Amino acid sequence: MNTPNLLSILTCPECGHQREESMPTDACQWYYQCQGCGALLRPKPGDCCVFCSYGTVPCPPVQAHGKTGHCCC
């Protein structure tokens, strides 16, 4: 099994602000507050976390198994 990439750049859909963040390996991150405009980001329908919705890299479980129900939720 490949080692997951634990860094992802989140892009705020409200203001376009980008910030590199570390992803947790033991839980989903359901909320993220934009450092640019303060918007509270939540996953899009069908996504398990903010990294899968707004990041350049999906969360570690999705990297390992794809979106097949093996997510961190």
PDB file of N, CA and C in Angstrom:
ATOM      1  N   MET A   1       0.843  -1.186   0.000  1.00  0.00           N
ATOM      2  CA  MET A   1       0.000   0.000   0.000  1.00  0.00           C
ATOM      3  C   MET A   1       0.879   1.236   0.000  1.00  0.00           C
ATOM      4  N   ASN A   2       0.513   2.235  -0.797  1.00  0.00           N
ATOM      5  CA  ASN A   2       1.255   3.473  -0.867  1.00  0.00           C
ATOM      6  C   ASN A   2       0.961   4.347   0.342  1.00  0.00           C
ATOM      7  N   THR A   3       1.946   5.145   0.730  1.00  0.00           N
ATOM      8  CA  THR A   3       1.756   6.088   1.816  1.00  0.00           C
ATOM      9  C   THR A   3       0.891   7.241   1.322  1.00  0.00           C
ATOM     10  N   PRO A   4      -0.168   7.587   2.055  1.00  0.00           N
ATOM     11  CA  PRO A   4      -1.036   8.674   1.589  1.00  0.00           C
ATOM     12  C   PRO A   4      -0.350  10.033   1.705  1.00  0.00           C
ATOM     13  N   ASN A   5      -0.730  10.925   0.819  1.00  0.00           N
ATOM     14  CA  ASN A   5      -0.281  12.306   0.886  1.00  0.00           C
ATOM     15  C   ASN A   5      -1.135  12.993   1.946  1.00  0.00           C
ATOM     16  N   LEU A   6      -0.515  13.581   2.956  1.00  0.00           N
ATOM     17  CA  LEU A   6      -1.260  14.177   4.058  1.00  0.00           C
ATOM     18  C   LEU A   6      -1.387  15.689   3.962  1.00  0.00           C
ATOM     19  N   LEU A   7      -0.913  16.279   2.869  1.00  0.00           N
ATOM     20  CA  LEU A   7      -1.038  17.718   2.666  1.00  0.00           C
ATOM     21  C   LEU A   7      -1.957  17.991   1.486  1.00  0.00           C
ATOM     22  N   SER A   8      -2.827  18.960   1.644  1.00  0.00           N
ATOM     23  CA  SER A   8      -3.754  19.334   0.592  1.00  0.00           C
ATOM     24  C   SER A   8      -3.951  20.844   0.647  1.00  0.00           C
ATOM     25  N   ILE A   9      -4.119  21.464  -0.492  1.00  0.00           N
ATOM     26  CA  ILE A   9      -4.394  22.892  -0.541  1.00  0.00           C
ATOM     27  C   ILE A   9      -5.900  23.074  -0.655  1.00  0.00           C
ATOM     28  N   LEU A  10      -6.488  23.687   0.371  1.00  0.00           N
ATOM     29  CA  LEU A  10      -7.917  23.967   0.373  1.00  0.00           C
ATOM     30  C   LEU A  10      -8.155  25.313  -0.300  1.00  0.00           C
ATOM     31  N   THR A  11      -9.166  25.362  -1.162  1.00  0.00           N
ATOM     32  CA  THR A  11      -9.544  26.601  -1.842  1.00  0.00           C
ATOM     33  C   THR A  11     -10.963  26.962  -1.441  1.00  0.00           C
ATOM     34  N   CYS A  12     -11.126  28.149  -0.882  1.00  0.00           N
ATOM     35  CA  CYS A  12     -12.444  28.612  -0.462  1.00  0.00           C
ATOM     36  C   CYS A  12     -13.290  28.935  -1.690  1.00  0.00           C
ATOM     37  N   PRO A  13     -14.503  28.374  -1.775  1.00  0.00           N
ATOM     38  CA  PRO A  13     -15.369  28.675  -2.919  1.00  0.00           C
ATOM     39  C   PRO A  13     -15.965  30.087  -2.858  1.00  0.00           C
ATOM     40  N   GLU A  14     -15.906  30.718  -1.700  1.00  0.00           N
ATOM     41  CA  GLU A  14     -16.466  32.058  -1.532  1.00  0.00           C
ATOM     42  C   GLU A  14     -15.508  33.148  -2.007  1.00  0.00           C
ATOM     43  N   CYS A  15     -14.232  33.059  -1.599  1.00  0.00           N
ATOM     44  CA  CYS A  15     -13.289  34.143  -1.892  1.00  0.00           C
ATOM     45  C   CYS A  15     -12.060  33.702  -2.684  1.00  0.00           C
ATOM     46  N   GLY A  16     -11.874  32.381  -2.848  1.00  0.00           N
ATOM     47  CA  GLY A  16     -10.734  31.877  -3.600  1.00  0.00           C
ATOM     48  C   GLY A  16      -9.449  31.766  -2.803  1.00  0.00           C
ATOM     49  N   HIS A  17      -9.485  32.105  -1.511  1.00  0.00           N
ATOM     50  CA  HIS A  17      -8.288  32.000  -0.667  1.00  0.00           C
ATOM     51  C   HIS A  17      -7.811  30.556  -0.629  1.00  0.00           C
ATOM     52  N   GLN A  18      -6.507  30.361  -0.704  1.00  0.00           N
ATOM     53  CA  GLN A  18      -5.934  29.013  -0.658  1.00  0.00           C
ATOM     54  C   GLN A  18      -4.981  28.898   0.521  1.00  0.00           C
ATOM     55  N   ARG A  19      -4.978  27.708   1.129  1.00  0.00           N
ATOM     56  CA  ARG A  19      -4.083  27.450   2.250  1.00  0.00           C
ATOM     57  C   ARG A  19      -3.774  25.961   2.300  1.00  0.00           C
ATOM     58  N   GLU A  20      -2.499  25.639   2.456  1.00  0.00           N
ATOM     59  CA  GLU A  20      -2.101  24.239   2.594  1.00  0.00           C
ATOM     60  C   GLU A  20      -2.361  23.793   4.031  1.00  0.00           C
ATOM     61  N   GLU A  21      -3.012  22.664   4.166  1.00  0.00           N
ATOM     62  CA  GLU A  21      -3.362  22.117   5.477  1.00  0.00           C
ATOM     63  C   GLU A  21      -2.982  20.643   5.549  1.00  0.00           C
ATOM     64  N   SER A  22      -2.707  20.182   6.752  1.00  0.00           N
ATOM     65  CA  SER A  22      -2.450  18.763   7.004  1.00  0.00           C
ATOM     66  C   SER A  22      -3.781  18.064   7.242  1.00  0.00           C
ATOM     67  N   MET A  23      -3.929  16.887   6.667  1.00  0.00           N
ATOM     68  CA  MET A  23      -5.166  16.121   6.841  1.00  0.00           C
ATOM     69  C   MET A  23      -5.027  15.160   8.008  1.00  0.00           C
ATOM     70  N   PRO A  24      -6.090  15.029   8.813  1.00  0.00           N
ATOM     71  CA  PRO A  24      -6.058  14.019   9.871  1.00  0.00           C
ATOM     72  C   PRO A  24      -6.150  12.624   9.263  1.00  0.00           C
ATOM     73  N   THR A  25      -5.553  11.661   9.921  1.00  0.00           N
ATOM     74  CA  THR A  25      -5.614  10.284   9.433  1.00  0.00           C
ATOM     75  C   THR A  25      -6.632   9.451  10.204  1.00  0.00           C
ATOM     76  N   ASP A  26      -7.163  10.002  11.287  1.00  0.00           N
ATOM     77  CA  ASP A  26      -8.049   9.224  12.151  1.00  0.00           C
ATOM     78  C   ASP A  26      -9.470   9.763  12.243  1.00  0.00           C
ATOM     79  N   ALA A  27      -9.798  10.786  11.446  1.00  0.00           N
ATOM     80  CA  ALA A  27     -11.139  11.363  11.494  1.00  0.00           C
ATOM     81  C   ALA A  27     -11.390  12.207  10.252  1.00  0.00           C
ATOM     82  N   CYS A  28     -12.665  12.405   9.937  1.00  0.00           N
ATOM     83  CA  CYS A  28     -13.034  13.327   8.858  1.00  0.00           C
ATOM     84  C   CYS A  28     -12.991  14.749   9.389  1.00  0.00           C
ATOM     85  N   GLN A  29     -12.671  15.672   8.519  1.00  0.00           N
ATOM     86  CA  GLN A  29     -12.770  17.081   8.894  1.00  0.00           C
ATOM     87  C   GLN A  29     -13.998  17.625   8.182  1.00  0.00           C
ATOM     88  N   TRP A  30     -15.073  17.771   8.930  1.00  0.00           N
ATOM     89  CA  TRP A  30     -16.357  18.171   8.359  1.00  0.00           C
ATOM     90  C   TRP A  30     -16.490  19.676   8.224  1.00  0.00           C
ATOM     91  N   TYR A  31     -15.693  20.440   8.967  1.00  0.00           N
ATOM     92  CA  TYR A  31     -15.776  21.891   8.925  1.00  0.00           C
ATOM     93  C   TYR A  31     -14.380  22.481   8.775  1.00  0.00           C
ATOM     94  N   TYR A  32     -14.320  23.617   8.088  1.00  0.00           N
ATOM     95  CA  TYR A  32     -13.066  24.349   7.953  1.00  0.00           C
ATOM     96  C   TYR A  32     -13.412  25.822   7.797  1.00  0.00           C
ATOM     97  N   GLN A  33     -12.805  26.669   8.616  1.00  0.00           N
ATOM     98  CA  GLN A  33     -13.053  28.103   8.507  1.00  0.00           C
ATOM     99  C   GLN A  33     -11.975  28.736   7.645  1.00  0.00           C
ATOM    100  N   CYS A  34     -12.406  29.395   6.578  1.00  0.00           N
ATOM    101  CA  CYS A  34     -11.498  30.051   5.650  1.00  0.00           C
ATOM    102  C   CYS A  34     -10.723  31.143   6.372  1.00  0.00           C
ATOM    103  N   GLN A  35      -9.415  31.155   6.173  1.00  0.00           N
ATOM    104  CA  GLN A  35      -8.568  32.170   6.782  1.00  0.00           C
ATOM    105  C   GLN A  35      -8.649  33.507   6.040  1.00  0.00           C
ATOM    106  N   GLY A  36      -9.258  33.488   4.845  1.00  0.00           N
ATOM    107  CA  GLY A  36      -9.388  34.704   4.055  1.00  0.00           C
ATOM    108  C   GLY A  36     -10.638  35.493   4.387  1.00  0.00           C
ATOM    109  N   CYS A  37     -11.806  34.846   4.283  1.00  0.00           N
ATOM    110  CA  CYS A  37     -13.073  35.565   4.470  1.00  0.00           C
ATOM    111  C   CYS A  37     -13.868  35.100   5.684  1.00  0.00           C
ATOM    112  N   GLY A  38     -13.431  34.010   6.323  1.00  0.00           N
ATOM    113  CA  GLY A  38     -14.127  33.517   7.503  1.00  0.00           C
ATOM    114  C   GLY A  38     -15.286  32.568   7.220  1.00  0.00           C
ATOM    115  N   ALA A  39     -15.529  32.260   5.948  1.00  0.00           N
ATOM    116  CA  ALA A  39     -16.623  31.342   5.608  1.00  0.00           C
ATOM    117  C   ALA A  39     -16.379  29.973   6.244  1.00  0.00           C
ATOM    118  N   LEU A  40     -17.456  29.355   6.687  1.00  0.00           N
ATOM    119  CA  LEU A  40     -17.372  28.015   7.251  1.00  0.00           C
ATOM    120  C   LEU A  40     -17.675  27.011   6.146  1.00  0.00           C
ATOM    121  N   LEU A  41     -16.662  26.266   5.738  1.00  0.00           N
ATOM    122  CA  LEU A  41     -16.821  25.285   4.661  1.00  0.00           C
ATOM    123  C   LEU A  41     -17.299  23.968   5.236  1.00  0.00           C
ATOM    124  N   ARG A  42     -18.210  23.336   4.513  1.00  0.00           N
ATOM    125  CA  ARG A  42     -18.717  22.003   4.840  1.00  0.00           C
ATOM    126  C   ARG A  42     -18.595  21.153   3.591  1.00  0.00           C
ATOM    127  N   PRO A  43     -18.523  19.833   3.711  1.00  0.00           N
ATOM    128  CA  PRO A  43     -18.419  18.988   2.513  1.00  0.00           C
ATOM    129  C   PRO A  43     -19.613  19.156   1.585  1.00  0.00           C
ATOM    130  N   LYS A  44     -19.357  19.031   0.309  1.00  0.00           N
ATOM    131  CA  LYS A  44     -20.428  19.026  -0.688  1.00  0.00           C
ATOM    132  C   LYS A  44     -21.194  17.706  -0.564  1.00  0.00           C
ATOM    133  N   PRO A  45     -22.456  17.666  -0.995  1.00  0.00           N
ATOM    134  CA  PRO A  45     -23.212  16.409  -0.950  1.00  0.00           C
ATOM    135  C   PRO A  45     -22.451  15.291  -1.670  1.00  0.00           C
ATOM    136  N   GLY A  46     -22.338  14.145  -1.016  1.00  0.00           N
ATOM    137  CA  GLY A  46     -21.642  13.005  -1.585  1.00  0.00           C
ATOM    138  C   GLY A  46     -20.183  12.911  -1.203  1.00  0.00           C
ATOM    139  N   ASP A  47     -19.628  13.976  -0.624  1.00  0.00           N
ATOM    140  CA  ASP A  47     -18.241  13.961  -0.155  1.00  0.00           C
ATOM    141  C   ASP A  47     -18.225  13.760   1.347  1.00  0.00           C
ATOM    142  N   CYS A  48     -17.142  13.165   1.835  1.00  0.00           N
ATOM    143  CA  CYS A  48     -17.067  12.846   3.260  1.00  0.00           C
ATOM    144  C   CYS A  48     -16.437  13.946   4.095  1.00  0.00           C
ATOM    145  N   CYS A  49     -15.652  14.827   3.456  1.00  0.00           N
ATOM    146  CA  CYS A  49     -14.953  15.843   4.235  1.00  0.00           C
ATOM    147  C   CYS A  49     -14.606  17.046   3.362  1.00  0.00           C
ATOM    148  N   VAL A  50     -14.125  18.112   4.002  1.00  0.00           N
ATOM    149  CA  VAL A  50     -13.790  19.326   3.256  1.00  0.00           C
ATOM    150  C   VAL A  50     -12.622  19.118   2.307  1.00  0.00           C
ATOM    151  N   PHE A  51     -11.731  18.185   2.621  1.00  0.00           N
ATOM    152  CA  PHE A  51     -10.598  17.920   1.725  1.00  0.00           C
ATOM    153  C   PHE A  51     -11.066  17.286   0.421  1.00  0.00           C
ATOM    154  N   CYS A  52     -12.051  16.413   0.505  1.00  0.00           N
ATOM    155  CA  CYS A  52     -12.584  15.790  -0.713  1.00  0.00           C
ATOM    156  C   CYS A  52     -13.363  16.806  -1.554  1.00  0.00           C
ATOM    157  N   SER A  53     -13.939  17.812  -0.918  1.00  0.00           N
ATOM    158  CA  SER A  53     -14.721  18.810  -1.638  1.00  0.00           C
ATOM    159  C   SER A  53     -13.890  19.982  -2.156  1.00  0.00           C
ATOM    160  N   TYR A  54     -12.946  20.462  -1.375  1.00  0.00           N
ATOM    161  CA  TYR A  54     -12.260  21.713  -1.707  1.00  0.00           C
ATOM    162  C   TYR A  54     -10.739  21.593  -1.788  1.00  0.00           C
ATOM    163  N   GLY A  55     -10.207  20.400  -1.579  1.00  0.00           N
ATOM    164  CA  GLY A  55      -8.758  20.232  -1.562  1.00  0.00           C
ATOM    165  C   GLY A  55      -8.184  19.746  -2.877  1.00  0.00           C
ATOM    166  N   THR A  56      -6.878  19.906  -3.001  1.00  0.00           N
ATOM    167  CA  THR A  56      -6.169  19.408  -4.175  1.00  0.00           C
ATOM    168  C   THR A  56      -5.907  17.914  -4.063  1.00  0.00           C
ATOM    169  N   VAL A  57      -6.003  17.380  -2.854  1.00  0.00           N
ATOM    170  CA  VAL A  57      -5.781  15.954  -2.593  1.00  0.00           C
ATOM    171  C   VAL A  57      -6.930  15.471  -1.708  1.00  0.00           C
ATOM    172  N   PRO A  58      -7.585  14.351  -2.049  1.00  0.00           N
ATOM    173  CA  PRO A  58      -8.656  13.838  -1.189  1.00  0.00           C
ATOM    174  C   PRO A  58      -8.092  13.262   0.111  1.00  0.00           C
ATOM    175  N   CYS A  59      -8.961  12.997   1.061  1.00  0.00           N
ATOM    176  CA  CYS A  59      -8.538  12.470   2.364  1.00  0.00           C
ATOM    177  C   CYS A  59      -7.846  11.110   2.222  1.00  0.00           C
ATOM    178  N   PRO A  60      -7.036  10.720   3.218  1.00  0.00           N
ATOM    179  CA  PRO A  60      -6.275   9.463   3.136  1.00  0.00           C
ATOM    180  C   PRO A  60      -7.113   8.219   2.835  1.00  0.00           C
ATOM    181  N   PRO A  61      -8.300   8.011   3.447  1.00  0.00           N
ATOM    182  CA  PRO A  61      -9.071   6.806   3.105  1.00  0.00           C
ATOM    183  C   PRO A  61      -9.519   6.785   1.643  1.00  0.00           C
ATOM    184  N   VAL A  62      -9.895   7.933   1.100  1.00  0.00           N
ATOM    185  CA  VAL A  62     -10.307   7.989  -0.300  1.00  0.00           C
ATOM    186  C   VAL A  62      -9.097   7.783  -1.209  1.00  0.00           C
ATOM    187  N   GLN A  63      -7.929   8.283  -0.816  1.00  0.00           N
ATOM    188  CA  GLN A  63      -6.713   8.021  -1.584  1.00  0.00           C
ATOM    189  C   GLN A  63      -6.438   6.520  -1.651  1.00  0.00           C
ATOM    190  N   ALA A  64      -6.645   5.838  -0.537  1.00  0.00           N
ATOM    191  CA  ALA A  64      -6.327   4.406  -0.463  1.00  0.00           C
ATOM    192  C   ALA A  64      -7.373   3.525  -1.133  1.00  0.00           C
ATOM    193  N   HIS A  65      -8.664   3.880  -0.992  1.00  0.00           N
ATOM    194  CA  HIS A  65      -9.727   2.983  -1.438  1.00  0.00           C
ATOM    195  C   HIS A  65     -10.665   3.574  -2.481  1.00  0.00           C
ATOM    196  N   GLY A  66     -10.534   4.846  -2.768  1.00  0.00           N
ATOM    197  CA  GLY A  66     -11.488   5.507  -3.653  1.00  0.00           C
ATOM    198  C   GLY A  66     -12.781   5.769  -2.921  1.00  0.00           C
ATOM    199  N   LYS A  67     -13.755   6.297  -3.601  1.00  0.00           N
ATOM    200  CA  LYS A  67     -15.055   6.590  -2.990  1.00  0.00           C
ATOM    201  C   LYS A  67     -15.936   5.356  -3.059  1.00  0.00           C
ATOM    202  N   THR A  68     -15.577   4.353  -2.268  1.00  0.00           N
ATOM    203  CA  THR A  68     -16.309   3.090  -2.297  1.00  0.00           C
ATOM    204  C   THR A  68     -16.898   2.723  -0.943  1.00  0.00           C
ATOM    205  N   GLY A  69     -17.134   3.727  -0.111  1.00  0.00           N
ATOM    206  CA  GLY A  69     -17.710   3.422   1.202  1.00  0.00           C
ATOM    207  C   GLY A  69     -16.663   3.120   2.263  1.00  0.00           C
ATOM    208  N   HIS A  70     -15.375   3.229   1.920  1.00  0.00           N
ATOM    209  CA  HIS A  70     -14.310   2.994   2.895  1.00  0.00           C
ATOM    210  C   HIS A  70     -13.795   4.284   3.495  1.00  0.00           C
ATOM    211  N   CYS A  71     -14.584   5.310   3.433  1.00  0.00           N
ATOM    212  CA  CYS A  71     -14.111   6.609   3.912  1.00  0.00           C
ATOM    213  C   CYS A  71     -14.052   6.640   5.422  1.00  0.00           C
ATOM    214  N   CYS A  72     -13.510   7.732   5.898  1.00  0.00           N
ATOM    215  CA  CYS A  72     -13.298   7.901   7.328  1.00  0.00           C
ATOM    216  C   CYS A  72     -14.582   8.107   8.117  1.00  0.00           C
ATOM    217  N   CYS A  73     -15.695   8.288   7.439  1.00  0.00           N
ATOM    218  CA  CYS A  73     -16.964   8.541   8.159  1.00  0.00           C
ATOM    219  C   CYS A  73     -17.444   7.247   8.745  1.00  0.00           C
TER     220      CYS A  73
END
